Amino acid sequence: MKEILVPIHSASEAADAAARAIALFRAEPAAHVHLLNVQRPLPRHVSRFFPRGELREFHREAGMAMLNPAIRALDDAHVPHVDHVLVGEPARAIVEFAQAHGCGEIVLDEPAQGLMSILRAGSIGSQVRHLIATHAADRAIPAAPGGSTEPA
């Protein structure tokens, strides 16, 4: 069974990511769709004043707020999904999640162009592509217009 990872970093990109996930699911209805938001940890000088449980709940609520537009779109399209919120460095957490869950595809934003791509800077999607190329075979899979999917 195919595992599809849909990392979402902002509510504004959720609709496009959800549309591409729906298209991938329609092409392979037995696939599992994983929605993922990675929250950056709060600085230590801030987090030390809060109990861990409160911090977990804060990150979970913030992450689910980012995922909610995609959740609604997938629910409306009757696409089953599992929702995940992690705390960490986004690109690294996405790649590690994909490897741990056997995700064969990662729905990413359009690759950066120009100087940003040369510097391997820019979007989290660009950073994920760099980590995949560095740590695994880099075999791009064609995606719907406006974005790309990368093998994990």
N, C-alpha and C. Protein backbone atom coordinates (compact mmCIF):
# COMPACT_ATOMS: atom_id res chain seq x y z
N MET A 1 0.84 -1.17 0.00
CA MET A 1 0.00 0.00 0.00
C MET A 1 0.89 1.24 0.00
N LYS A 2 0.52 2.22 -0.79
CA LYS A 2 1.30 3.44 -0.93
C LYS A 2 0.99 4.40 0.22
N GLU A 3 2.05 5.00 0.77
CA GLU A 3 1.93 6.01 1.82
C GLU A 3 2.30 7.35 1.21
N ILE A 4 1.41 8.33 1.34
CA ILE A 4 1.62 9.66 0.77
C ILE A 4 1.73 10.66 1.92
N LEU A 5 2.83 11.39 1.96
CA LEU A 5 3.04 12.39 3.01
C LEU A 5 2.75 13.78 2.44
N VAL A 6 1.92 14.53 3.14
CA VAL A 6 1.56 15.89 2.73
C VAL A 6 1.94 16.84 3.85
N PRO A 7 3.18 17.34 3.82
CA PRO A 7 3.58 18.31 4.86
C PRO A 7 2.99 19.68 4.55
N ILE A 8 2.43 20.31 5.57
CA ILE A 8 1.81 21.62 5.41
C ILE A 8 2.44 22.57 6.41
N HIS A 9 2.95 23.68 5.90
CA HIS A 9 3.69 24.63 6.73
C HIS A 9 2.90 25.89 7.01
N SER A 10 1.87 26.15 6.21
CA SER A 10 1.03 27.32 6.44
C SER A 10 -0.38 27.03 5.94
N ALA A 11 -1.34 27.70 6.54
CA ALA A 11 -2.72 27.50 6.13
C ALA A 11 -2.93 27.92 4.68
N SER A 12 -2.14 28.89 4.20
CA SER A 12 -2.31 29.37 2.83
C SER A 12 -1.91 28.32 1.78
N GLU A 13 -1.02 27.42 2.11
CA GLU A 13 -0.62 26.39 1.14
C GLU A 13 -1.44 25.12 1.29
N ALA A 14 -2.30 25.06 2.28
CA ALA A 14 -3.05 23.84 2.57
C ALA A 14 -3.99 23.44 1.44
N ALA A 15 -4.65 24.40 0.82
CA ALA A 15 -5.63 24.07 -0.24
C ALA A 15 -4.94 23.41 -1.43
N ASP A 16 -3.82 23.97 -1.86
CA ASP A 16 -3.09 23.39 -3.00
C ASP A 16 -2.56 22.00 -2.65
N ALA A 17 -1.98 21.87 -1.47
CA ALA A 17 -1.44 20.56 -1.05
C ALA A 17 -2.57 19.53 -0.95
N ALA A 18 -3.71 19.95 -0.43
CA ALA A 18 -4.85 19.02 -0.31
C ALA A 18 -5.34 18.61 -1.69
N ALA A 19 -5.42 19.55 -2.62
CA ALA A 19 -5.87 19.22 -3.99
C ALA A 19 -4.94 18.20 -4.63
N ARG A 20 -3.64 18.36 -4.44
CA ARG A 20 -2.69 17.41 -5.02
C ARG A 20 -2.79 16.05 -4.31
N ALA A 21 -3.03 16.05 -3.00
CA ALA A 21 -3.20 14.79 -2.28
C ALA A 21 -4.45 14.06 -2.74
N ILE A 22 -5.51 14.81 -2.97
CA ILE A 22 -6.76 14.21 -3.46
C ILE A 22 -6.53 13.57 -4.82
N ALA A 23 -5.82 14.26 -5.71
CA ALA A 23 -5.54 13.70 -7.04
C ALA A 23 -4.71 12.43 -6.93
N LEU A 24 -3.71 12.42 -6.06
CA LEU A 24 -2.88 11.22 -5.88
C LEU A 24 -3.72 10.08 -5.32
N PHE A 25 -4.62 10.37 -4.38
CA PHE A 25 -5.48 9.35 -3.79
C PHE A 25 -6.44 8.80 -4.84
N ARG A 26 -7.00 9.67 -5.67
CA ARG A 26 -7.92 9.22 -6.72
C ARG A 26 -7.22 8.27 -7.69
N ALA A 27 -5.94 8.53 -7.94
CA ALA A 27 -5.17 7.66 -8.84
C ALA A 27 -4.84 6.33 -8.18
N GLU A 28 -4.78 6.32 -6.87
CA GLU A 28 -4.47 5.09 -6.13
C GLU A 28 -5.30 5.06 -4.83
N PRO A 29 -6.57 4.64 -4.92
CA PRO A 29 -7.48 4.72 -3.79
C PRO A 29 -7.10 3.89 -2.55
N ALA A 30 -6.17 2.98 -2.69
CA ALA A 30 -5.75 2.21 -1.52
C ALA A 30 -4.65 2.92 -0.72
N ALA A 31 -4.22 4.07 -1.19
CA ALA A 31 -3.12 4.79 -0.54
C ALA A 31 -3.56 5.34 0.82
N HIS A 32 -2.58 5.52 1.69
CA HIS A 32 -2.78 6.20 2.97
C HIS A 32 -2.23 7.60 2.84
N VAL A 33 -2.99 8.59 3.25
CA VAL A 33 -2.55 9.98 3.21
C VAL A 33 -2.23 10.43 4.63
N HIS A 34 -1.03 10.97 4.80
CA HIS A 34 -0.59 11.51 6.08
C HIS A 34 -0.44 13.02 5.94
N LEU A 35 -1.22 13.79 6.71
CA LEU A 35 -1.02 15.23 6.78
C LEU A 35 -0.07 15.50 7.93
N LEU A 36 0.91 16.36 7.70
CA LEU A 36 1.92 16.62 8.71
C LEU A 36 2.21 18.11 8.82
N ASN A 37 2.24 18.61 10.05
CA ASN A 37 2.73 19.95 10.32
C ASN A 37 3.84 19.81 11.34
N VAL A 38 4.95 20.51 11.09
CA VAL A 38 6.07 20.50 12.02
C VAL A 38 6.20 21.90 12.61
N GLN A 39 6.04 21.97 13.92
CA GLN A 39 6.18 23.22 14.65
C GLN A 39 7.62 23.36 15.13
N ARG A 40 8.17 24.54 14.94
CA ARG A 40 9.51 24.79 15.48
C ARG A 40 9.40 24.92 17.00
N PRO A 41 10.38 24.38 17.73
CA PRO A 41 10.32 24.50 19.19
C PRO A 41 10.47 25.96 19.64
N LEU A 42 9.85 26.27 20.75
CA LEU A 42 10.03 27.59 21.32
C LEU A 42 11.45 27.71 21.87
N PRO A 43 12.00 28.92 21.88
CA PRO A 43 13.35 29.09 22.46
C PRO A 43 13.36 28.65 23.92
N ARG A 44 14.47 28.13 24.35
CA ARG A 44 14.60 27.63 25.73
C ARG A 44 14.28 28.71 26.75
N HIS A 45 14.69 29.96 26.48
CA HIS A 45 14.43 31.02 27.46
C HIS A 45 12.94 31.31 27.61
N VAL A 46 12.12 30.84 26.69
CA VAL A 46 10.67 30.97 26.80
C VAL A 46 10.08 29.67 27.34
N SER A 47 10.47 28.55 26.77
CA SER A 47 9.84 27.26 27.11
C SER A 47 10.09 26.82 28.55
N ARG A 48 11.15 27.29 29.15
CA ARG A 48 11.46 26.85 30.52
C ARG A 48 10.43 27.32 31.54
N PHE A 49 9.61 28.27 31.17
CA PHE A 49 8.60 28.79 32.09
C PHE A 49 7.26 28.07 31.99
N PHE A 50 7.17 27.06 31.13
CA PHE A 50 5.90 26.37 30.93
C PHE A 50 6.07 24.88 31.15
N PRO A 51 5.06 24.23 31.74
CA PRO A 51 5.11 22.77 31.88
C PRO A 51 5.10 22.11 30.50
N ARG A 52 5.73 20.94 30.39
CA ARG A 52 5.80 20.24 29.11
C ARG A 52 4.43 19.96 28.50
N GLY A 53 3.49 19.61 29.34
CA GLY A 53 2.14 19.33 28.85
C GLY A 53 1.52 20.54 28.16
N GLU A 54 1.73 21.72 28.74
CA GLU A 54 1.21 22.94 28.13
C GLU A 54 1.90 23.22 26.81
N LEU A 55 3.20 22.99 26.74
CA LEU A 55 3.94 23.19 25.49
C LEU A 55 3.46 22.23 24.41
N ARG A 56 3.26 20.95 24.77
CA ARG A 56 2.74 19.97 23.81
C ARG A 56 1.39 20.41 23.27
N GLU A 57 0.51 20.85 24.18
CA GLU A 57 -0.82 21.29 23.76
C GLU A 57 -0.74 22.53 22.88
N PHE A 58 0.14 23.47 23.22
CA PHE A 58 0.33 24.67 22.41
C PHE A 58 0.75 24.30 20.99
N HIS A 59 1.76 23.44 20.87
CA HIS A 59 2.24 23.03 19.54
C HIS A 59 1.17 22.25 18.78
N ARG A 60 0.46 21.39 19.48
CA ARG A 60 -0.60 20.60 18.84
C ARG A 60 -1.69 21.52 18.28
N GLU A 61 -2.14 22.47 19.08
CA GLU A 61 -3.19 23.39 18.63
C GLU A 61 -2.71 24.23 17.44
N ALA A 62 -1.49 24.74 17.51
CA ALA A 62 -0.96 25.56 16.41
C ALA A 62 -0.82 24.71 15.14
N GLY A 63 -0.35 23.48 15.29
CA GLY A 63 -0.19 22.60 14.13
C GLY A 63 -1.52 22.22 13.52
N MET A 64 -2.50 21.92 14.34
CA MET A 64 -3.82 21.55 13.81
C MET A 64 -4.48 22.75 13.12
N ALA A 65 -4.21 23.96 13.59
CA ALA A 65 -4.74 25.15 12.91
C ALA A 65 -4.19 25.24 11.48
N MET A 66 -2.93 24.86 11.30
CA MET A 66 -2.33 24.86 9.96
C MET A 66 -2.93 23.75 9.10
N LEU A 67 -3.24 22.62 9.70
CA LEU A 67 -3.75 21.47 8.96
C LEU A 67 -5.25 21.58 8.65
N ASN A 68 -6.00 22.36 9.42
CA ASN A 68 -7.46 22.36 9.30
C ASN A 68 -7.98 22.60 7.89
N PRO A 69 -7.45 23.55 7.11
CA PRO A 69 -7.99 23.70 5.74
C PRO A 69 -7.81 22.43 4.89
N ALA A 70 -6.69 21.77 5.04
CA ALA A 70 -6.45 20.52 4.29
C ALA A 70 -7.34 19.41 4.82
N ILE A 71 -7.52 19.35 6.12
CA ILE A 71 -8.40 18.34 6.71
C ILE A 71 -9.81 18.48 6.16
N ARG A 72 -10.31 19.72 6.13
CA ARG A 72 -11.66 19.96 5.59
C ARG A 72 -11.76 19.54 4.13
N ALA A 73 -10.75 19.90 3.33
CA ALA A 73 -10.77 19.55 1.90
C ALA A 73 -10.75 18.04 1.70
N LEU A 74 -9.90 17.33 2.44
CA LEU A 74 -9.84 15.88 2.30
C LEU A 74 -11.12 15.23 2.80
N ASP A 75 -11.66 15.74 3.91
CA ASP A 75 -12.93 15.20 4.41
C ASP A 75 -14.05 15.41 3.40
N ASP A 76 -14.12 16.62 2.80
CA ASP A 76 -15.15 16.91 1.80
C ASP A 76 -15.02 15.99 0.58
N ALA A 77 -13.79 15.60 0.25
CA ALA A 77 -13.54 14.72 -0.90
C ALA A 77 -13.59 13.24 -0.51
N HIS A 78 -13.90 12.96 0.75
CA HIS A 78 -13.98 11.59 1.27
C HIS A 78 -12.64 10.85 1.11
N VAL A 79 -11.56 11.56 1.37
CA VAL A 79 -10.22 10.96 1.33
C VAL A 79 -9.80 10.71 2.77
N PRO A 80 -9.62 9.44 3.15
CA PRO A 80 -9.17 9.16 4.52
C PRO A 80 -7.74 9.65 4.72
N HIS A 81 -7.46 10.11 5.93
CA HIS A 81 -6.13 10.65 6.23
C HIS A 81 -5.85 10.51 7.71
N VAL A 82 -4.57 10.57 8.05
CA VAL A 82 -4.12 10.59 9.43
C VAL A 82 -3.38 11.90 9.61
N ASP A 83 -3.66 12.60 10.71
CA ASP A 83 -3.09 13.92 10.94
C ASP A 83 -2.00 13.83 12.01
N HIS A 84 -0.88 14.51 11.75
CA HIS A 84 0.27 14.46 12.64
C HIS A 84 0.80 15.86 12.88
N VAL A 85 1.20 16.15 14.12
CA VAL A 85 1.89 17.39 14.45
C VAL A 85 3.15 17.00 15.21
N LEU A 86 4.29 17.46 14.71
CA LEU A 86 5.57 17.20 15.35
C LEU A 86 6.21 18.52 15.74
N VAL A 87 7.20 18.45 16.61
CA VAL A 87 7.98 19.62 16.99
C VAL A 87 9.42 19.33 16.61
N GLY A 88 10.04 20.26 15.89
CA GLY A 88 11.44 20.08 15.50
C GLY A 88 11.80 20.97 14.33
N GLU A 89 12.92 20.64 13.71
CA GLU A 89 13.38 21.36 12.51
C GLU A 89 12.57 20.79 11.35
N PRO A 90 11.78 21.61 10.65
CA PRO A 90 10.79 21.09 9.70
C PRO A 90 11.34 20.14 8.63
N ALA A 91 12.34 20.53 7.87
CA ALA A 91 12.80 19.68 6.76
C ALA A 91 13.29 18.33 7.27
N ARG A 92 14.09 18.35 8.30
CA ARG A 92 14.63 17.09 8.85
C ARG A 92 13.50 16.22 9.39
N ALA A 93 12.55 16.83 10.10
CA ALA A 93 11.43 16.06 10.67
C ALA A 93 10.58 15.44 9.56
N ILE A 94 10.39 16.16 8.46
CA ILE A 94 9.60 15.62 7.34
C ILE A 94 10.29 14.41 6.74
N VAL A 95 11.58 14.51 6.48
CA VAL A 95 12.32 13.38 5.90
C VAL A 95 12.33 12.19 6.85
N GLU A 96 12.57 12.44 8.13
CA GLU A 96 12.59 11.34 9.11
C GLU A 96 11.22 10.69 9.23
N PHE A 97 10.16 11.49 9.22
CA PHE A 97 8.80 10.95 9.27
C PHE A 97 8.54 10.08 8.05
N ALA A 98 8.90 10.58 6.88
CA ALA A 98 8.68 9.83 5.63
C ALA A 98 9.39 8.48 5.68
N GLN A 99 10.62 8.48 6.16
CA GLN A 99 11.37 7.23 6.25
C GLN A 99 10.76 6.29 7.28
N ALA A 100 10.39 6.82 8.44
CA ALA A 100 9.83 5.99 9.51
C ALA A 100 8.48 5.38 9.13
N HIS A 101 7.71 6.08 8.30
CA HIS A 101 6.37 5.60 7.93
C HIS A 101 6.32 4.99 6.54
N GLY A 102 7.46 4.83 5.89
CA GLY A 102 7.50 4.21 4.58
C GLY A 102 6.76 4.98 3.51
N CYS A 103 6.79 6.30 3.59
CA CYS A 103 6.07 7.13 2.61
C CYS A 103 6.80 7.09 1.28
N GLY A 104 6.10 6.66 0.25
CA GLY A 104 6.67 6.57 -1.08
C GLY A 104 6.64 7.88 -1.84
N GLU A 105 5.79 8.81 -1.38
CA GLU A 105 5.71 10.12 -2.03
C GLU A 105 5.56 11.19 -0.97
N ILE A 106 6.18 12.33 -1.23
CA ILE A 106 6.03 13.52 -0.39
C ILE A 106 5.55 14.64 -1.30
N VAL A 107 4.42 15.21 -0.99
CA VAL A 107 3.88 16.32 -1.77
C VAL A 107 4.57 17.59 -1.30
N LEU A 108 5.32 18.22 -2.22
CA LEU A 108 6.10 19.41 -1.88
C LEU A 108 5.72 20.57 -2.78
N ASP A 109 6.10 21.77 -2.34
CA ASP A 109 5.88 22.95 -3.16
C ASP A 109 6.81 22.94 -4.36
N GLU A 110 6.61 23.89 -5.24
CA GLU A 110 7.43 24.00 -6.46
C GLU A 110 8.88 24.29 -6.07
N PRO A 111 9.85 23.65 -6.72
CA PRO A 111 11.26 23.90 -6.38
C PRO A 111 11.63 25.36 -6.60
N ALA A 112 12.52 25.86 -5.73
CA ALA A 112 13.02 27.24 -5.87
C ALA A 112 13.80 27.37 -7.16
N GLN A 113 13.80 28.58 -7.71
CA GLN A 113 14.52 28.85 -8.95
C GLN A 113 15.65 29.84 -8.67
N GLY A 114 16.64 29.86 -9.53
CA GLY A 114 17.70 30.86 -9.47
C GLY A 114 18.65 30.67 -8.30
N LEU A 115 19.07 31.80 -7.74
CA LEU A 115 20.08 31.81 -6.68
C LEU A 115 19.65 30.98 -5.48
N MET A 116 18.37 31.05 -5.12
CA MET A 116 17.90 30.30 -3.95
C MET A 116 18.11 28.80 -4.13
N SER A 117 17.91 28.29 -5.33
CA SER A 117 18.11 26.85 -5.54
C SER A 117 19.59 26.50 -5.51
N ILE A 118 20.43 27.39 -6.00
CA ILE A 118 21.88 27.14 -5.97
C ILE A 118 22.37 27.08 -4.54
N LEU A 119 21.84 27.95 -3.69
CA LEU A 119 22.26 28.00 -2.29
C LEU A 119 21.56 26.95 -1.44
N ARG A 120 20.62 26.21 -2.04
CA ARG A 120 19.83 25.22 -1.31
C ARG A 120 19.05 25.89 -0.18
N ALA A 121 18.65 27.11 -0.42
CA ALA A 121 17.87 27.86 0.56
C ALA A 121 16.46 28.02 0.03
N GLY A 122 15.68 28.73 0.75
CA GLY A 122 14.33 28.99 0.29
C GLY A 122 13.33 28.18 1.08
N SER A 123 12.40 27.58 0.38
CA SER A 123 11.28 26.91 1.02
C SER A 123 11.70 25.66 1.77
N ILE A 124 10.82 25.22 2.64
CA ILE A 124 11.04 23.96 3.35
C ILE A 124 11.06 22.82 2.34
N GLY A 125 10.23 22.92 1.29
CA GLY A 125 10.25 21.90 0.24
C GLY A 125 11.62 21.77 -0.40
N SER A 126 12.27 22.89 -0.65
CA SER A 126 13.62 22.86 -1.21
C SER A 126 14.60 22.20 -0.25
N GLN A 127 14.45 22.49 1.03
CA GLN A 127 15.31 21.88 2.04
C GLN A 127 15.08 20.37 2.12
N VAL A 128 13.81 19.95 2.01
CA VAL A 128 13.49 18.52 2.02
C VAL A 128 14.12 17.84 0.81
N ARG A 129 14.00 18.46 -0.36
CA ARG A 129 14.62 17.90 -1.56
C ARG A 129 16.12 17.72 -1.38
N HIS A 130 16.76 18.70 -0.78
CA HIS A 130 18.20 18.63 -0.54
C HIS A 130 18.52 17.46 0.39
N LEU A 131 17.77 17.31 1.47
CA LEU A 131 18.02 16.19 2.40
C LEU A 131 17.78 14.85 1.73
N ILE A 132 16.75 14.76 0.92
CA ILE A 132 16.47 13.51 0.21
C ILE A 132 17.61 13.19 -0.75
N ALA A 133 18.07 14.21 -1.48
CA ALA A 133 19.18 14.00 -2.42
C ALA A 133 20.45 13.63 -1.70
N THR A 134 20.64 14.16 -0.51
CA THR A 134 21.84 13.89 0.26
C THR A 134 21.81 12.51 0.91
N HIS A 135 20.63 12.11 1.39
CA HIS A 135 20.54 10.88 2.19
C HIS A 135 19.85 9.71 1.51
N ALA A 136 19.34 9.92 0.32
CA ALA A 136 18.65 8.81 -0.36
C ALA A 136 18.74 9.02 -1.87
N ALA A 137 18.31 8.05 -2.61
CA ALA A 137 18.29 8.17 -4.07
C ALA A 137 17.30 9.26 -4.44
N ASP A 138 17.71 10.15 -5.32
CA ASP A 138 16.86 11.27 -5.71
C ASP A 138 16.20 10.94 -7.04
N ARG A 139 14.98 10.39 -6.97
CA ARG A 139 14.24 10.03 -8.16
C ARG A 139 12.94 10.82 -8.16
N ALA A 140 12.90 11.92 -8.86
CA ALA A 140 11.71 12.77 -8.89
C ALA A 140 10.57 12.05 -9.60
N ILE A 141 9.39 12.22 -9.07
CA ILE A 141 8.18 11.66 -9.65
C ILE A 141 7.35 12.83 -10.16
N PRO A 142 6.90 12.80 -11.43
CA PRO A 142 6.12 13.92 -11.94
C PRO A 142 4.87 14.15 -11.10
N ALA A 143 4.52 15.42 -10.94
CA ALA A 143 3.36 15.76 -10.13
C ALA A 143 2.40 16.60 -10.94
N ALA A 144 1.30 16.89 -10.30
CA ALA A 144 0.32 17.77 -10.92
C ALA A 144 0.94 19.15 -11.09
N PRO A 145 0.46 19.93 -12.05
CA PRO A 145 0.98 21.27 -12.24
C PRO A 145 0.95 22.08 -10.95
N GLY A 146 1.98 22.88 -10.75
CA GLY A 146 2.02 23.76 -9.59
C GLY A 146 2.74 23.16 -8.40
N GLY A 147 3.34 22.01 -8.54
CA GLY A 147 4.05 21.42 -7.42
C GLY A 147 4.74 20.16 -7.82
N SER A 148 5.31 19.49 -6.86
CA SER A 148 6.01 18.26 -7.17
C SER A 148 5.81 17.26 -6.06
N THR A 149 6.06 16.00 -6.39
CA THR A 149 6.12 14.98 -5.36
C THR A 149 7.52 14.41 -5.44
N GLU A 150 8.02 14.04 -4.32
CA GLU A 150 9.36 13.48 -4.25
C GLU A 150 9.26 12.11 -3.60
N PRO A 151 10.03 11.16 -4.09
CA PRO A 151 10.06 9.88 -3.40
C PRO A 151 10.78 10.05 -2.09
N ALA A 152 10.35 9.30 -1.11
CA ALA A 152 11.00 9.38 0.20
C ALA A 152 12.21 8.49 0.26
